[in-house]
Protein backbone atom coordinates (compact mmCIF):
# COMPACT_ATOMS: atom_id res chain seq x y z
CA MET A 1 148.54 111.56 22.60
CA LEU A 2 149.00 111.22 26.28
CA ARG A 3 145.85 109.08 26.59
CA GLY A 4 146.63 107.07 23.43
CA ILE A 5 150.28 106.29 24.43
CA SER A 6 149.37 105.51 28.04
CA SER A 7 146.64 103.24 26.94
CA GLY A 8 148.89 101.60 24.38
CA CYS A 9 151.52 100.85 27.05
CA ILE A 10 148.88 98.89 29.05
CA GLY A 11 148.03 96.53 26.15
CA LEU A 12 151.61 96.42 24.96
CA PHE A 13 153.05 95.14 28.17
CA GLN A 14 150.17 92.78 29.19
CA PHE A 15 151.70 89.76 27.67
CA PRO A 16 155.44 90.35 28.69
CA LEU A 17 154.31 90.64 32.40
CA SER A 18 151.97 87.63 32.25
CA LEU A 19 155.16 85.57 31.08
CA LEU A 20 157.25 87.26 33.91
CA GLY A 21 154.41 86.22 36.30
CA GLU A 22 154.87 82.60 35.16
CA ARG A 23 158.47 82.69 36.16
CA ILE A 24 158.69 84.58 39.40
CA GLY A 25 155.13 84.52 40.56
CA GLU A 26 151.99 86.40 39.65
CA VAL A 27 151.54 88.17 42.91
CA ILE A 28 155.01 89.26 43.00
CA VAL A 29 154.63 90.91 39.67
CA ILE A 30 151.39 92.49 40.84
CA ALA A 31 153.27 93.86 43.97
CA LEU A 32 156.06 95.14 41.96
CA GLY A 33 153.68 96.70 39.30
CA THR A 34 151.70 98.42 42.10
CA PHE A 35 155.02 99.85 43.19
CA GLY A 36 156.10 100.98 39.83
CA LEU A 37 152.65 102.32 38.91
CA ALA A 38 152.78 104.69 41.86
CA GLY A 39 156.40 105.44 41.30
CA GLY A 40 155.51 106.69 37.88
CA PHE A 41 152.94 109.07 39.32
CA LEU A 42 155.46 110.13 41.84
CA LEU A 43 157.61 111.27 38.91
CA LEU A 44 154.63 112.87 37.31
CA GLY A 45 154.45 115.16 40.32
CA LYS A 46 157.96 116.42 39.71
CA SER A 47 157.46 116.71 35.95
CA HIS A 48 157.70 120.22 34.33
CA THR A 49 157.86 119.37 30.42
CA PHE A 50 155.62 117.45 28.02
CA LEU A 51 158.26 114.76 27.50
CA THR A 52 158.81 114.16 31.24
CA ILE A 53 155.08 114.03 31.76
CA LEU A 54 154.82 111.41 28.86
CA PHE A 55 157.69 109.38 30.26
CA SER A 56 156.19 109.31 33.72
CA LEU A 57 152.85 108.05 32.38
CA MET A 58 154.46 105.41 30.13
CA PHE A 59 156.63 104.13 33.13
CA ALA A 60 153.53 103.96 35.36
CA LYS A 61 151.24 102.18 32.84
CA ALA A 62 154.02 99.87 31.59
CA THR A 63 154.97 98.59 35.11
CA GLY A 64 151.34 98.32 36.19
CA ALA A 65 150.00 96.82 32.96
CA GLY A 66 149.86 93.24 34.34
CA GLN A 67 147.36 94.06 37.12
CA HIS A 68 144.24 92.92 35.26
CA GLY A 69 145.48 89.75 33.62
CA LEU A 70 147.67 88.40 36.54
CA SER A 71 144.94 89.25 39.23
CA SER A 72 142.27 87.44 37.01
CA SER A 73 144.53 84.43 36.75
CA VAL A 74 145.14 84.17 40.37
CA LEU A 75 141.42 84.76 41.27
CA SER A 76 140.24 82.21 38.65
CA ARG A 77 142.35 79.49 40.28
CA THR A 78 141.28 80.32 43.79
CA PHE A 79 137.70 79.77 42.61
CA GLU A 80 138.43 76.82 40.39
CA VAL A 81 135.43 74.68 41.39
CA SER A 82 132.58 77.24 41.77
CA GLY A 83 131.82 80.90 42.35
CA ARG A 84 134.28 82.25 39.74
CA ARG A 85 131.94 84.62 38.19
CA ALA A 86 130.60 86.17 41.35
CA ALA A 87 134.25 86.51 42.63
CA MET A 88 135.21 88.12 39.35
CA GLY A 89 132.30 90.41 39.45
CA THR A 90 133.28 91.50 43.06
CA TYR A 91 136.88 92.00 41.94
CA ASN A 92 135.66 94.35 39.07
CA PHE A 93 133.40 96.25 41.40
CA SER A 94 136.20 96.72 43.82
CA GLY A 95 138.22 98.25 40.97
CA ASP A 96 135.36 100.55 39.99
CA LEU A 97 134.99 101.59 43.53
CA GLY A 98 138.70 102.56 43.69
CA LYS A 99 138.00 104.59 40.54
CA VAL A 100 135.44 106.57 42.36
CA CYS A 101 137.11 106.98 45.80
CA ILE A 102 140.82 107.64 44.89
CA PRO A 103 139.78 110.57 42.39
CA PHE A 104 137.50 111.93 45.05
CA LEU A 105 140.28 111.81 47.64
CA LEU A 106 142.85 113.24 45.28
CA ALA A 107 140.38 116.09 44.37
CA LEU A 108 140.23 117.01 48.11
CA MET A 109 143.97 116.88 48.52
CA ILE A 110 144.46 119.08 45.40
CA ASN A 111 142.08 121.67 46.79
CA LEU A 112 144.05 121.69 50.06
CA TRP A 113 147.75 121.36 48.79
CA GLY A 114 147.78 121.71 45.09
CA TRP A 115 148.03 119.12 42.39
CA ARG A 116 151.80 118.24 42.66
CA GLN A 117 151.79 117.74 46.45
CA ALA A 118 148.56 115.72 46.32
CA ILE A 119 149.94 113.31 43.68
CA PHE A 120 153.28 113.12 45.65
CA THR A 121 151.40 112.11 48.71
CA ILE A 122 149.07 109.65 47.33
CA SER A 123 151.78 108.00 45.11
CA LEU A 124 153.77 107.40 48.53
CA GLY A 125 150.63 105.73 49.87
CA GLY A 126 150.66 103.52 46.59
CA MET A 127 154.28 102.65 46.88
CA ALA A 128 153.73 101.63 50.49
CA VAL A 129 150.89 99.16 49.41
CA GLY A 130 153.13 97.68 46.81
CA ALA A 131 155.98 97.23 49.21
CA PHE A 132 153.73 95.69 51.82
CA LEU A 133 152.22 93.27 49.36
CA TYR A 134 155.73 92.23 48.11
CA ILE A 135 156.86 91.62 51.72
CA LEU A 136 153.73 89.63 52.44
CA VAL A 137 154.24 87.49 49.31
CA SER A 138 158.04 86.86 49.68
CA LYS A 139 157.31 85.29 52.98
CA GLN A 140 155.24 82.48 51.18
CA LYS A 141 157.77 81.56 48.42
CA GLU A 142 156.93 77.85 49.30
CA HIS A 143 153.52 78.35 47.65
CA PRO A 144 154.24 79.25 44.04
CA PRO A 145 151.39 81.25 42.65
CA SER A 146 151.75 79.85 39.06
CA PHE A 147 150.44 76.39 38.73
CA HIS A 148 153.49 74.65 37.13
CA THR A 149 151.89 71.62 36.63
CA THR A 150 153.08 70.16 33.23
CA GLN A 151 150.77 67.32 33.45
CA THR A 152 147.87 69.58 33.47
CA PHE A 153 149.36 71.68 30.73
CA ASN A 154 149.88 68.65 28.50
CA SER A 155 146.68 66.82 28.96
CA GLU A 156 144.32 69.71 28.75
CA SER A 157 145.64 72.12 26.14
CA THR A 158 148.06 72.49 23.31
CA GLY A 159 150.52 75.38 22.70
CA TRP A 160 149.16 78.31 24.71
CA GLY A 161 147.01 76.33 26.83
CA ILE A 162 143.94 77.22 24.89
CA LYS A 163 141.58 74.27 25.09
CA ASN A 164 139.41 75.08 22.07
CA ARG A 165 140.77 77.78 19.75
CA LYS A 166 137.47 78.41 17.95
CA LYS A 167 135.73 79.11 21.33
CA PHE A 168 138.54 81.31 22.53
CA LEU A 169 138.53 83.13 19.29
CA ALA A 170 134.73 83.77 19.56
CA LEU A 171 135.29 84.97 23.21
CA LEU A 172 138.06 87.24 22.10
CA THR A 173 136.04 88.81 19.31
CA ILE A 174 133.17 89.45 21.72
CA GLY A 175 135.43 90.96 24.21
CA MET A 176 136.99 93.25 21.41
CA ILE A 177 133.58 94.55 20.22
CA ASP A 178 132.33 94.93 23.77
CA VAL A 179 135.61 96.95 24.77
CA ALA A 180 135.40 99.13 21.53
CA ALA A 181 131.87 99.97 22.10
CA ARG A 182 132.29 100.95 25.71
CA TYR A 183 135.32 103.07 24.93
CA SER A 184 133.60 104.76 21.97
CA LEU A 185 130.52 105.74 23.96
CA LEU A 186 132.70 107.04 26.85
CA THR A 187 134.54 109.21 24.14
CA PHE A 188 131.61 110.48 22.41
CA LEU A 189 128.85 110.70 25.26
CA PRO A 190 129.92 114.31 26.13
CA PHE A 191 129.39 115.37 22.62
CA LEU A 192 126.00 113.68 22.42
CA LEU A 193 125.00 115.60 25.72
CA LEU A 194 126.13 118.84 24.09
CA GLN A 195 124.07 118.13 21.11
CA LYS A 196 120.98 117.71 23.32
CA GLY A 197 121.66 121.13 24.92
CA ILE A 198 122.99 119.81 28.24
CA PRO A 199 125.54 122.31 29.70
CA VAL A 200 129.30 121.27 29.96
CA THR A 201 129.12 121.79 33.72
CA GLN A 202 126.77 118.74 33.89
CA PHE A 203 129.08 116.34 31.91
CA GLY A 204 130.90 115.26 35.18
CA PHE A 205 127.58 114.24 36.75
CA ALA A 206 126.46 112.35 33.65
CA LEU A 207 129.64 110.48 33.55
CA THR A 208 129.37 109.73 37.27
CA LEU A 209 125.95 108.20 36.83
CA LEU A 210 127.40 105.97 34.16
CA PHE A 211 130.27 104.72 36.09
CA VAL A 212 128.12 104.11 39.25
CA GLY A 213 125.84 101.94 37.02
CA GLY A 214 128.83 100.20 35.66
CA ALA A 215 130.18 99.41 39.02
CA VAL A 216 126.81 97.91 40.08
CA GLY A 217 126.76 95.99 36.72
CA LYS A 218 130.16 94.44 37.03
CA PHE A 219 129.08 93.06 40.47
CA ALA A 220 125.44 92.11 39.75
CA CYS A 221 126.18 90.50 36.25
CA GLY A 222 128.87 88.35 37.84
CA VAL A 223 126.55 86.99 40.43
CA LEU A 224 123.68 86.64 37.92
CA ALA A 225 125.81 84.62 35.50
CA GLU A 226 126.32 82.02 38.25
CA TRP A 227 122.57 81.47 38.18
CA PHE A 228 121.52 81.95 34.54
CA GLY A 229 124.70 80.83 32.74
CA ILE A 230 127.10 82.41 30.28
CA ILE A 231 125.11 82.62 27.03
CA PRO A 232 121.79 84.14 28.61
CA MET A 233 123.80 86.80 30.30
CA VAL A 234 126.02 87.87 27.34
CA VAL A 235 123.04 87.98 25.08
CA GLY A 236 120.96 89.73 27.55
CA THR A 237 123.46 92.49 28.45
CA GLU A 238 124.54 92.95 24.84
CA ILE A 239 120.81 93.45 23.71
CA LEU A 240 119.99 95.79 26.57
CA THR A 241 123.22 97.73 25.86
CA THR A 242 122.36 98.26 22.34
CA ALA A 243 118.83 99.35 23.20
CA GLY A 244 120.26 101.74 25.82
CA ILE A 245 122.77 103.36 23.45
CA LEU A 246 120.21 103.76 20.89
CA SER A 247 117.71 105.34 23.42
CA LEU A 248 120.37 107.96 24.25
CA THR A 249 120.03 109.26 20.68
CA VAL A 250 116.31 109.67 20.55
CA LEU A 251 115.38 110.49 24.11
CA PRO A 252 114.96 114.09 25.34
CA ALA A 253 117.72 115.55 27.43
CA SER A 254 115.56 115.19 30.59
CA TRP A 255 115.21 111.32 30.32
CA ILE A 256 119.01 110.94 29.89
CA TRP A 257 119.58 111.14 33.73
CA PHE A 258 117.43 108.07 34.24
CA VAL A 259 118.80 106.11 31.31
CA LEU A 260 122.49 106.48 31.99
CA PRO A 261 122.80 104.45 35.24
CA LEU A 262 120.76 101.56 33.44
CA VAL A 263 123.17 101.87 30.37
CA GLY A 264 126.19 101.80 32.63
CA ILE A 265 124.83 98.51 34.36
CA VAL A 266 124.64 96.53 30.94
CA LEU A 267 127.51 98.35 29.38
CA ASN A 268 130.09 97.02 31.96
CA GLY A 269 128.29 94.07 33.12
CA THR A 270 129.34 91.77 30.26
CA SER A 271 132.95 92.19 31.14
CA SER A 272 132.56 90.20 34.47
CA VAL A 273 130.92 87.34 32.58
CA LEU A 274 133.61 87.43 29.87
CA TYR A 275 136.66 87.61 32.16
CA ALA A 276 135.57 84.44 34.22
CA THR A 277 134.85 82.53 30.82
CA VAL A 278 138.51 83.19 29.91
CA ALA A 279 139.47 80.86 32.56
CA GLU A 280 137.26 78.00 31.36
CA MET A 281 139.06 78.01 28.17
CA ILE A 282 142.68 78.09 29.32
CA ALA A 283 144.41 75.34 31.19
CA PRO A 284 145.35 76.36 34.83
CA ALA A 285 149.12 76.26 34.23
CA SER A 286 148.65 78.81 31.14
CA ARG A 287 146.20 81.23 32.83
CA SER A 288 148.59 84.10 33.15
CA ARG A 289 149.60 84.17 29.45
CA GLY A 290 146.08 83.38 28.48
CA TYR A 291 144.66 86.46 30.31
CA GLY A 292 147.63 88.51 29.21
CA LEU A 293 146.85 87.59 25.59
CA TYR A 294 143.07 88.37 26.15
CA TYR A 295 143.62 91.74 27.85
CA ALA A 296 146.39 92.82 25.39
CA ILE A 297 144.14 92.31 22.41
CA THR A 298 140.81 93.66 23.89
CA LEU A 299 142.47 96.63 25.52
CA GLY A 300 144.30 97.36 22.25
CA SER A 301 141.00 97.51 20.43
CA GLY A 302 139.69 99.84 23.15
CA ALA A 303 142.73 102.23 22.53
CA LEU A 304 142.16 102.17 18.72
CA SER A 305 138.38 102.36 18.60
CA PRO A 306 137.98 106.10 19.60
CA LEU A 307 140.27 107.14 16.81
CA ALA A 308 138.50 105.05 14.27
CA PHE A 309 135.01 106.17 15.49
CA GLY A 310 136.45 109.74 15.54
CA LEU A 311 137.25 109.63 11.87
CA LEU A 312 133.81 108.09 11.11
CA THR A 313 132.12 110.91 13.21
CA ASP A 314 133.98 113.68 11.20
CA SER A 315 132.73 112.09 7.96
CA MET A 316 129.19 110.75 8.79
CA GLY A 317 128.19 112.81 11.92
CA LEU A 318 127.81 111.99 15.53
CA SER A 319 124.40 110.35 15.63
CA PHE A 320 125.38 107.97 12.83
CA THR A 321 128.49 106.89 14.87
CA ILE A 322 126.48 106.45 18.04
CA VAL A 323 124.14 104.22 16.18
CA ILE A 324 126.87 102.21 14.51
CA THR A 325 128.38 101.76 18.03
CA ALA A 326 125.14 100.29 19.45
CA LEU A 327 124.55 97.97 16.45
CA MET A 328 128.08 96.71 16.34
CA LEU A 329 127.10 94.82 19.56
CA VAL A 330 124.51 92.76 17.63
CA ILE A 331 127.63 90.96 16.06
CA THR A 332 128.14 89.40 19.42
CA LEU A 333 124.90 87.62 19.58
CA PRO A 334 125.59 84.75 17.18
CA LEU A 335 129.20 84.44 18.38
CA SER A 336 128.00 83.81 21.80
CA ARG A 337 126.71 80.34 21.01
CA TYR A 338 130.30 79.24 21.00
CA LEU A 339 130.62 80.10 24.60
CA SER A 340 128.61 77.07 25.73
CA PRO A 341 130.61 74.41 27.43
CA LYS A 342 128.90 71.86 24.92
CA SER A 343 129.96 73.60 21.75
CA THR A 344 132.88 72.47 19.63
């Protein structure tokens, strides 16, 4: 319930915060969201009941929900002419680097002071970062972060700023399938390892290998997409992800350790390509709401997919579910042709 509701808050508040970013400034909302996110975890350190823990997580996730969409919007306009995919890959890589470093730091602090004091201390650091970012941005109000250029909006887009609805729907569908497969694999990988006789004590190491590969993949695939283009990278990563997930079901336990980093590279690498492609289908004036819509729907599918595949696993078995998760990615291959700049 805690995981599902907190993930749901991220998806639910994506779009409202993107609209707020259009009105008061995207980076201002990012700064306030950073402050609120850290504040929610500050409350978590003082929580003693299930309901207060739930409220703390909801507050943290709801206030910080706009980070992905608004940051992607700002970054896409900074690299409007060229280098967008490499920049997006670097941005995603830095996020994954934080996912490795911050938990490691938190683990050290928990061992020294206990979890409440550790969360309290690291939350104060997060709130300080949010406050510093807000002060930095508030001094530059003469440079509004949103491109409120109505001429661009009117000439390049209609309605939501979507230039080609068919192409955007194809991109959205690919993103939903990609996120659903990723979340499902992360949910059921420990059960697959257990089925292969790998002890529970080694699960953390297995997931670390997958995450490290994922961080490398987000950076590398973003750079490679600049060279090879959108369609070759999407098709290549999705085919390799399908093959990698299927190989996890048939390979002996000793081979798993070599395959997991490779699966992580292609499993997460597609996201950097897709995130940059969103910007090409949305007029600059509407990037905030476009990214908000994209993240809200794709992250929503990621939140629901483990539940749906969990029911499938209960009825058909774990191996069947893992195979279906892999084969589901094949659907993205014919859809990828709509991502070409020349397609209509």
